[in-house]
């Protein structure tokens, strides 16, 4: 059975090597749904948005969303009017091969910012790409969208008679600001376009914007959700049992992709699970948890296996949420290291307390639980450590 984005019925995918990446590996991918497929999108909050983001937003607004063309190697960001023309030309060429209006297709790019697309190579690869569309092409699609990823990311889930599949990429320039990578999720459920956008925002967004590798929001971040309706039956309506089952399956795929992405973070050796409770509301909780997950001091402490609760307190205090220090409690693993905003002297004097926290820090997944009061706001943000390897990867990224 097909995996990833072609697990849901009504979708075909393909990938080719166009020579956009120096490695020579597959670097152009295409996902297309059956007639009647609708799409929804969530995009980067970065003001310096790439040309494919601008194009995809416009095509979705015009009613498009039948499929998406993706290239890796060049981000087609900071490329000016040329970038806009190149994105439009690439989509137009694919649309011609599929006998579609160009507005029916979306586009995503990932790679080096500022480097123009290698259009001769890209356009030359599009005819075999279109000809190669198959209903079990999900794995090839997932491989072709990779850049510094070390493994491809795919996920599937079932919701009764409906299927959900997905693929994603992104292990650097990732911050919890919607959206945080390239992610593509498909379902064969019949859903109205306007309802699909609500599904994406309510059930994909919380997971796919809950991860942080380095606190940097990309210029190209896009999360796309497609529904082919190939499973048949009446259109799903919000708040029905079938809708809730589908929402749960979409959340399962989103959570799996988020977990796979953070575990493959550039140079990552540990993942941190930052769970925060007691904030004034969920927005405040998210801001506080993200400040901890994004902190270079917390991330380097995680890499070094140093619990250092002072760094967690310092990060919380910079979030601008008006915390009362006396309400802050912090646990690393099962060990409480902060009581009412105070680090107990025993942390520095007793081997047992510090030793238990150090042992927790040695785990591949490190739990950091934080309580900041008795408010209803809660949040979880997934982060990772900052290692020597991260510096090497990014120091050599364009060289």
Protein backbone atom coordinates (compact mmCIF):
# COMPACT_ATOMS: atom_id res chain seq x y z
CA UNK A 1 0.00 0.00 0.00
CA UNK A 2 1.22 3.48 -0.79
CA UNK A 3 2.55 5.67 1.99
CA UNK A 4 2.79 9.34 2.76
CA UNK A 5 0.91 11.80 0.59
CA UNK A 6 -0.49 9.07 -1.68
CA UNK A 7 -1.91 6.97 1.15
CA UNK A 8 -5.15 8.90 0.76
CA UNK A 9 -7.04 7.82 -2.35
CA UNK A 10 -7.29 10.16 -5.30
CA UNK A 11 -3.69 11.39 -5.26
CA UNK A 12 -0.70 10.74 -7.49
CA UNK A 13 2.89 11.86 -6.96
CA UNK A 14 6.22 11.74 -8.74
CA UNK A 15 9.80 12.94 -8.35
CA UNK A 16 12.81 13.46 -10.61
CA UNK A 17 16.41 14.65 -10.36
CA UNK A 18 16.67 17.89 -12.30
CA UNK A 19 20.17 18.83 -11.15
CA UNK A 20 19.03 21.62 -8.82
CA UNK A 21 20.97 20.10 -5.92
CA UNK A 22 24.73 19.47 -6.13
CA UNK A 23 24.18 15.96 -4.79
CA UNK A 24 22.36 14.89 -7.94
CA UNK A 25 19.58 13.36 -5.84
CA UNK A 26 15.87 13.86 -6.67
CA UNK A 27 15.00 17.52 -6.25
CA UNK A 28 11.66 18.17 -7.97
CA UNK A 29 8.38 16.64 -6.81
CA UNK A 30 4.76 16.85 -7.88
CA UNK A 31 1.54 15.98 -6.05
CA UNK A 32 -1.78 16.08 -7.90
CA UNK A 33 -5.28 15.24 -6.74
CA UNK A 34 -8.21 13.87 -8.72
CA UNK A 35 -10.73 16.27 -10.27
CA UNK A 36 -12.64 17.99 -7.50
CA UNK A 37 -9.67 18.13 -5.13
CA UNK A 38 -9.61 21.25 -2.94
CA UNK A 39 -6.74 22.78 -1.01
CA UNK A 40 -6.00 24.89 2.05
CA UNK A 41 -2.79 26.57 3.15
CA UNK A 42 -0.96 28.03 6.12
CA UNK A 43 2.09 30.12 5.38
CA UNK A 44 5.13 31.76 6.93
CA UNK A 45 4.73 34.86 9.10
CA UNK A 46 8.07 36.15 7.78
CA UNK A 47 7.59 39.49 5.98
CA UNK A 48 10.31 38.46 3.51
CA UNK A 49 8.19 35.75 1.93
CA UNK A 50 9.47 33.74 -1.04
CA UNK A 51 7.95 33.93 -4.51
CA UNK A 52 6.30 30.47 -4.22
CA UNK A 53 4.51 31.60 -1.04
CA UNK A 54 3.14 34.66 -2.83
CA UNK A 55 2.02 32.53 -5.78
CA UNK A 56 0.40 29.84 -3.63
CA UNK A 57 -1.50 32.38 -1.55
CA UNK A 58 -2.85 34.00 -4.72
CA UNK A 59 -3.82 30.70 -6.35
CA UNK A 60 -5.61 29.49 -3.22
CA UNK A 61 -7.49 32.77 -3.04
CA UNK A 62 -8.54 32.21 -6.67
CA UNK A 63 -9.93 28.78 -5.83
CA UNK A 64 -6.89 26.66 -6.72
CA UNK A 65 -5.47 23.75 -4.79
CA UNK A 66 -5.59 20.71 -7.07
CA UNK A 67 -1.90 19.98 -6.47
CA UNK A 68 1.56 21.34 -5.77
CA UNK A 69 4.95 21.50 -7.48
CA UNK A 70 7.91 21.42 -5.09
CA UNK A 71 11.60 21.94 -5.74
CA UNK A 72 14.56 21.65 -3.39
CA UNK A 73 17.94 23.27 -3.91
CA UNK A 74 16.91 26.89 -4.39
CA UNK A 75 14.41 28.70 -2.14
CA UNK A 76 13.48 31.28 -4.80
CA UNK A 77 13.38 33.88 -2.01
CA UNK A 78 14.93 37.36 -2.23
CA UNK A 79 14.93 36.92 -6.00
CA UNK A 80 12.68 39.90 -6.85
CA UNK A 81 10.53 40.06 -9.95
CA UNK A 82 12.59 37.32 -11.57
CA UNK A 83 11.58 34.95 -8.80
CA UNK A 84 7.90 35.69 -9.33
CA UNK A 85 8.24 35.09 -13.08
CA UNK A 86 10.13 31.84 -12.53
CA UNK A 87 7.57 30.48 -10.07
CA UNK A 88 4.73 31.32 -12.45
CA UNK A 89 6.55 29.80 -15.44
CA UNK A 90 7.24 26.54 -13.62
CA UNK A 91 3.63 26.15 -12.54
CA UNK A 92 2.35 27.08 -15.99
CA UNK A 93 4.53 24.40 -17.58
CA UNK A 94 3.22 21.72 -15.24
CA UNK A 95 -0.36 22.90 -15.72
CA UNK A 96 0.02 22.67 -19.49
CA UNK A 97 1.23 19.09 -19.18
CA UNK A 98 -1.78 18.24 -17.03
CA UNK A 99 -4.26 20.26 -19.12
CA UNK A 100 -5.10 22.43 -16.10
CA UNK A 101 -5.39 26.14 -15.52
CA UNK A 102 -2.18 27.33 -13.80
CA UNK A 103 -4.18 28.75 -10.88
CA UNK A 104 -5.19 25.21 -9.95
CA UNK A 105 -1.62 24.44 -8.88
CA UNK A 106 0.44 25.68 -5.92
CA UNK A 107 4.21 25.83 -5.59
CA UNK A 108 6.80 25.42 -2.85
CA UNK A 109 10.57 25.82 -2.95
CA UNK A 110 13.26 25.08 -0.39
CA UNK A 111 17.00 25.59 -0.39
CA UNK A 112 19.42 28.50 -0.55
CA UNK A 113 17.85 31.95 -0.17
CA UNK A 114 18.74 34.40 -2.94
CA UNK A 115 19.86 31.85 -5.52
CA UNK A 116 17.59 31.96 -8.59
CA UNK A 117 15.94 28.79 -9.77
CA UNK A 118 17.94 26.94 -12.42
CA UNK A 119 15.08 27.28 -14.87
CA UNK A 120 16.56 25.44 -17.84
CA UNK A 121 17.12 22.35 -15.70
CA UNK A 122 13.78 22.70 -13.92
CA UNK A 123 11.69 23.18 -17.06
CA UNK A 124 13.50 20.32 -18.78
CA UNK A 125 12.60 17.98 -15.93
CA UNK A 126 8.91 18.80 -15.87
CA UNK A 127 7.66 16.62 -18.78
CA UNK A 128 9.10 13.39 -17.28
CA UNK A 129 7.85 14.52 -13.87
CA UNK A 130 4.28 14.82 -15.13
CA UNK A 131 4.57 11.55 -17.06
CA UNK A 132 5.82 9.80 -13.92
CA UNK A 133 2.77 10.48 -11.73
CA UNK A 134 1.66 7.29 -9.97
CA UNK A 135 -0.64 6.50 -7.08
CA UNK A 136 2.21 5.02 -5.03
CA UNK A 137 4.65 7.89 -5.49
CA UNK A 138 4.48 9.18 -1.92
CA UNK A 139 7.90 7.91 -0.85
CA UNK A 140 9.60 9.44 -3.89
CA UNK A 141 7.84 12.75 -3.20
CA UNK A 142 9.05 12.76 0.42
CA UNK A 143 12.65 12.11 -0.61
CA UNK A 144 12.77 14.78 -3.31
CA UNK A 145 11.70 17.64 -1.00
CA UNK A 146 14.61 17.07 1.43
CA UNK A 147 17.50 19.52 1.84
CA UNK A 148 19.63 19.07 4.98
CA UNK A 149 17.21 16.42 6.27
CA UNK A 150 18.95 13.13 6.98
CA UNK A 151 15.79 11.03 6.51
CA UNK A 152 12.47 11.54 4.76
CA UNK A 153 9.37 12.17 6.86
CA UNK A 154 6.02 10.50 6.19
CA UNK A 155 2.93 9.68 8.24
CA UNK A 156 -0.47 8.05 7.76
CA UNK A 157 -3.65 7.63 9.79
CA UNK A 158 -7.17 6.30 9.33
CA UNK A 159 -10.52 7.86 10.22
CA UNK A 160 -13.05 5.13 9.59
CA UNK A 161 -13.43 4.89 5.82
CA UNK A 162 -11.26 7.97 5.26
CA UNK A 163 -7.47 8.01 4.93
CA UNK A 164 -4.98 10.72 5.79
CA UNK A 165 -1.36 10.87 4.63
CA UNK A 166 1.44 13.35 4.88
CA UNK A 167 5.05 14.26 4.20
CA UNK A 168 7.27 17.03 5.48
CA UNK A 169 10.78 18.43 5.42
CA UNK A 170 12.76 20.89 7.45
CA UNK A 171 15.46 20.46 10.08
CA UNK A 172 16.77 24.03 10.31
CA UNK A 173 15.47 27.60 10.15
CA UNK A 174 12.50 26.36 12.15
CA UNK A 175 10.68 28.37 14.82
CA UNK A 176 7.19 28.10 16.32
CA UNK A 177 5.70 30.79 14.09
CA UNK A 178 3.09 29.49 11.66
CA UNK A 179 4.06 27.67 9.65
CA UNK A 180 7.43 26.18 10.36
CA UNK A 181 8.47 23.97 7.45
CA UNK A 182 7.17 22.45 4.26
CA UNK A 183 4.41 19.98 5.08
CA UNK A 184 1.85 18.36 2.82
CA UNK A 185 -1.18 16.49 4.17
CA UNK A 186 -3.81 14.71 2.08
CA UNK A 187 -7.16 13.11 2.75
CA UNK A 188 -9.72 11.37 0.58
CA UNK A 189 -12.63 12.73 2.61
CA UNK A 190 -15.15 14.98 0.85
CA UNK A 191 -14.86 18.47 2.39
CA UNK A 192 -15.88 21.93 1.24
CA UNK A 193 -12.98 24.26 0.54
CA UNK A 194 -13.94 26.75 3.27
CA UNK A 195 -14.26 23.97 5.84
CA UNK A 196 -10.88 22.52 4.84
CA UNK A 197 -9.13 25.80 5.69
CA UNK A 198 -10.71 25.69 9.13
CA UNK A 199 -9.59 22.09 9.53
CA UNK A 200 -6.01 23.05 8.69
CA UNK A 201 -5.95 25.94 11.13
CA UNK A 202 -7.62 24.09 13.99
CA UNK A 203 -6.02 20.66 13.67
CA UNK A 204 -2.71 20.98 11.79
CA UNK A 205 -1.49 24.34 12.99
CA UNK A 206 -1.17 23.52 16.73
CA UNK A 207 1.23 20.64 16.01
CA UNK A 208 3.22 21.97 13.09
CA UNK A 209 3.89 25.32 14.71
CA UNK A 210 4.90 23.79 18.04
CA UNK A 211 8.48 22.94 17.11
CA UNK A 212 11.68 24.99 17.26
CA UNK A 213 15.11 23.99 16.03
CA UNK A 214 16.80 27.39 16.09
CA UNK A 215 14.14 30.06 16.59
CA UNK A 216 14.40 31.24 12.98
CA UNK A 217 11.25 31.55 10.87
CA UNK A 218 11.89 30.66 7.23
CA UNK A 219 10.94 32.72 4.20
CA UNK A 220 9.31 29.68 2.56
CA UNK A 221 7.31 27.94 5.29
CA UNK A 222 4.12 26.37 3.93
CA UNK A 223 1.68 23.80 5.24
CA UNK A 224 -0.79 22.56 2.62
CA UNK A 225 -3.84 20.35 3.19
CA UNK A 226 -5.61 18.72 0.24
CA UNK A 227 -8.91 16.81 0.13
CA UNK A 228 -9.70 14.71 -2.95
CA UNK A 229 -13.16 13.46 -1.93
CA UNK A 230 -12.23 10.12 -3.53
CA UNK A 231 -13.71 8.15 -0.63
CA UNK A 232 -17.14 9.31 -1.78
CA UNK A 233 -20.22 10.10 0.20
CA UNK A 234 -21.77 13.41 1.30
CA UNK A 235 -19.66 16.41 2.23
CA UNK A 236 -18.45 16.33 5.80
CA UNK A 237 -19.80 19.00 8.08
CA UNK A 238 -18.06 20.44 11.13
CA UNK A 239 -18.99 19.07 14.54
CA UNK A 240 -20.27 15.74 13.22
CA UNK A 241 -18.86 12.42 14.40
CA UNK A 242 -17.21 11.79 11.01
CA UNK A 243 -15.65 15.26 11.14
CA UNK A 244 -14.24 14.65 14.61
CA UNK A 245 -12.76 11.31 13.54
CA UNK A 246 -11.14 12.93 10.53
CA UNK A 247 -9.85 15.82 12.66
CA UNK A 248 -8.24 13.33 15.03
CA UNK A 249 -6.53 11.53 12.14
CA UNK A 250 -5.23 14.82 10.70
CA UNK A 251 -3.93 15.76 14.15
CA UNK A 252 -2.21 12.36 14.38
CA UNK A 253 -0.43 12.93 11.06
CA UNK A 254 0.51 16.48 12.02
CA UNK A 255 1.88 15.40 15.39
CA UNK A 256 3.89 12.59 13.79
CA UNK A 257 5.43 14.89 11.20
CA UNK A 258 6.27 17.47 13.88
CA UNK A 259 7.97 14.82 16.00
CA UNK A 260 9.94 13.47 13.03
CA UNK A 261 11.05 16.97 12.07
CA UNK A 262 12.33 17.93 15.52
CA UNK A 263 14.10 14.60 16.01
CA UNK A 264 15.99 15.26 12.77
CA UNK A 265 16.88 18.84 13.74
CA UNK A 266 20.20 19.95 12.30
CA UNK A 267 22.91 18.51 14.52
CA UNK A 268 20.39 17.61 17.24
CA UNK A 269 21.42 15.07 19.90
CA UNK A 270 18.52 15.69 22.32
CA UNK A 271 14.90 16.78 21.98
CA UNK A 272 13.25 18.83 24.73
CA UNK A 273 9.54 18.62 25.50
CA UNK A 274 8.59 21.94 27.11
CA UNK A 275 5.19 21.65 28.80
CA UNK A 276 3.89 24.83 30.41
CA UNK A 277 0.76 25.26 32.53
CA UNK A 278 -0.85 27.97 34.63
CA UNK A 279 -0.53 30.88 32.19
CA UNK A 280 -3.25 33.49 31.71
CA UNK A 281 -4.29 31.87 28.41
CA UNK A 282 -2.96 29.52 25.76
CA UNK A 283 -1.32 32.38 23.83
CA UNK A 284 0.71 33.41 26.86
CA UNK A 285 1.57 29.78 27.59
CA UNK A 286 2.83 29.32 24.05
CA UNK A 287 4.96 32.46 24.22
CA UNK A 288 6.54 31.34 27.50
CA UNK A 289 7.21 27.77 26.36
CA UNK A 290 8.64 28.98 23.05
CA UNK A 291 10.99 31.38 24.83
CA UNK A 292 12.48 28.45 26.72
CA UNK A 293 12.69 26.19 23.67
CA UNK A 294 14.28 28.98 21.60
CA UNK A 295 16.84 30.09 24.20
CA UNK A 296 20.43 29.48 23.00
CA UNK A 297 21.47 29.16 26.64
CA UNK A 298 18.88 26.46 27.37
CA UNK A 299 19.69 24.71 24.09
CA UNK A 300 23.44 24.62 24.75
CA UNK A 301 22.84 23.47 28.31
CA UNK A 302 20.77 20.62 26.88
CA UNK A 303 23.61 19.69 24.55
CA UNK A 304 26.07 19.68 27.47
CA UNK A 305 23.78 17.69 29.77
CA UNK A 306 23.64 20.57 32.28
CA UNK A 307 20.19 21.02 33.93
CA UNK A 308 21.01 24.67 34.86
CA UNK A 309 17.56 25.83 36.05
CA UNK A 310 18.79 29.41 36.13
CA UNK A 311 18.84 29.47 32.34
CA UNK A 312 15.21 28.32 32.23
CA UNK A 313 14.18 31.06 34.66
CA UNK A 314 16.12 33.65 32.69
CA UNK A 315 14.36 32.63 29.49
CA UNK A 316 10.90 32.75 31.09
CA UNK A 317 11.55 36.25 32.37
CA UNK A 318 12.30 37.59 28.89
CA UNK A 319 8.95 36.54 27.38
CA UNK A 320 7.26 39.79 28.40
CA UNK A 321 4.26 38.06 29.96
CA UNK A 322 4.45 39.82 33.34
CA UNK A 323 5.25 36.73 35.40
CA UNK A 324 5.29 36.74 39.17
CA UNK A 325 8.55 34.90 39.95
CA UNK A 326 7.06 33.45 43.13
CA UNK A 327 4.59 31.41 41.07
CA UNK A 328 7.22 29.62 38.95
CA UNK A 329 7.96 25.92 39.48
CA UNK A 330 10.23 23.94 37.15
CA UNK A 331 10.91 20.22 36.79
CA UNK A 332 13.58 18.55 34.67
CA UNK A 333 12.41 15.01 34.23
CA UNK A 334 10.81 13.99 37.53
CA UNK A 335 13.03 16.32 39.58
CA UNK A 336 11.77 19.72 40.74
CA UNK A 337 14.58 22.26 40.47
CA UNK A 338 12.65 25.51 41.02
CA UNK A 339 10.17 26.10 43.87
CA UNK A 340 8.25 29.36 43.77
CA UNK A 341 10.88 31.04 41.66
CA UNK A 342 13.74 29.87 43.89
CA UNK A 343 16.45 27.34 43.12
CA UNK A 344 16.98 25.38 46.34
CA UNK A 345 20.52 25.47 47.82
CA UNK A 346 20.43 21.68 47.77
CA UNK A 347 20.81 21.83 43.99
CA UNK A 348 24.34 23.15 44.50
CA UNK A 349 25.13 21.27 47.69
CA UNK A 350 23.60 17.80 47.29
CA UNK A 351 24.73 15.34 44.66
CA UNK A 352 21.37 13.50 44.77
CA UNK A 353 19.22 16.40 43.54
CA UNK A 354 21.57 17.53 40.79
CA UNK A 355 22.46 13.96 39.89
CA UNK A 356 18.83 13.06 39.24
CA UNK A 357 18.44 16.06 36.94
CA UNK A 358 21.69 15.26 35.11
CA UNK A 359 20.44 11.72 34.56
CA UNK A 360 17.21 13.07 33.07
CA UNK A 361 19.22 15.31 30.74
CA UNK A 362 21.01 12.28 29.33
CA UNK A 363 17.80 10.94 27.77
CA UNK A 364 17.25 11.43 24.02
CA UNK A 365 14.00 13.18 25.00
CA UNK A 366 14.20 15.56 27.96
CA UNK A 367 11.02 16.68 29.70
CA UNK A 368 10.95 20.24 31.04
CA UNK A 369 7.73 20.96 32.94
CA UNK A 370 6.95 24.50 34.00
CA UNK A 371 4.07 25.86 36.11
CA UNK A 372 3.65 29.64 36.25
CA UNK A 373 0.47 30.04 38.29
CA UNK A 374 -3.10 28.82 38.34
CA UNK A 375 -4.36 30.19 35.02
CA UNK A 376 -6.02 28.01 32.35
CA UNK A 377 -3.35 28.50 29.67
CA UNK A 378 -1.28 25.49 28.59
CA UNK A 379 1.15 24.76 25.77
CA UNK A 380 3.69 22.24 24.56
CA UNK A 381 6.64 23.26 22.38
CA UNK A 382 9.17 20.75 21.04
CA UNK A 383 12.75 21.96 20.86
CA UNK A 384 16.21 20.48 20.43
CA UNK A 385 19.74 21.17 21.57
CA UNK A 386 22.26 23.42 19.84
CA UNK A 387 25.35 21.41 18.98
CA UNK A 388 28.72 21.83 17.31
CA UNK A 389 27.28 20.00 14.32
CA UNK A 390 24.51 22.59 13.91
CA UNK A 391 27.16 25.31 13.68
CA UNK A 392 29.16 23.27 11.14
CA UNK A 393 26.13 22.53 8.94
CA UNK A 394 25.04 26.14 8.80
CA UNK A 395 28.57 27.53 8.58
CA UNK A 396 29.08 25.51 5.41
CA UNK A 397 25.53 25.79 4.01
CA UNK A 398 26.37 27.78 0.87
CA UNK A 399 30.04 26.86 0.57
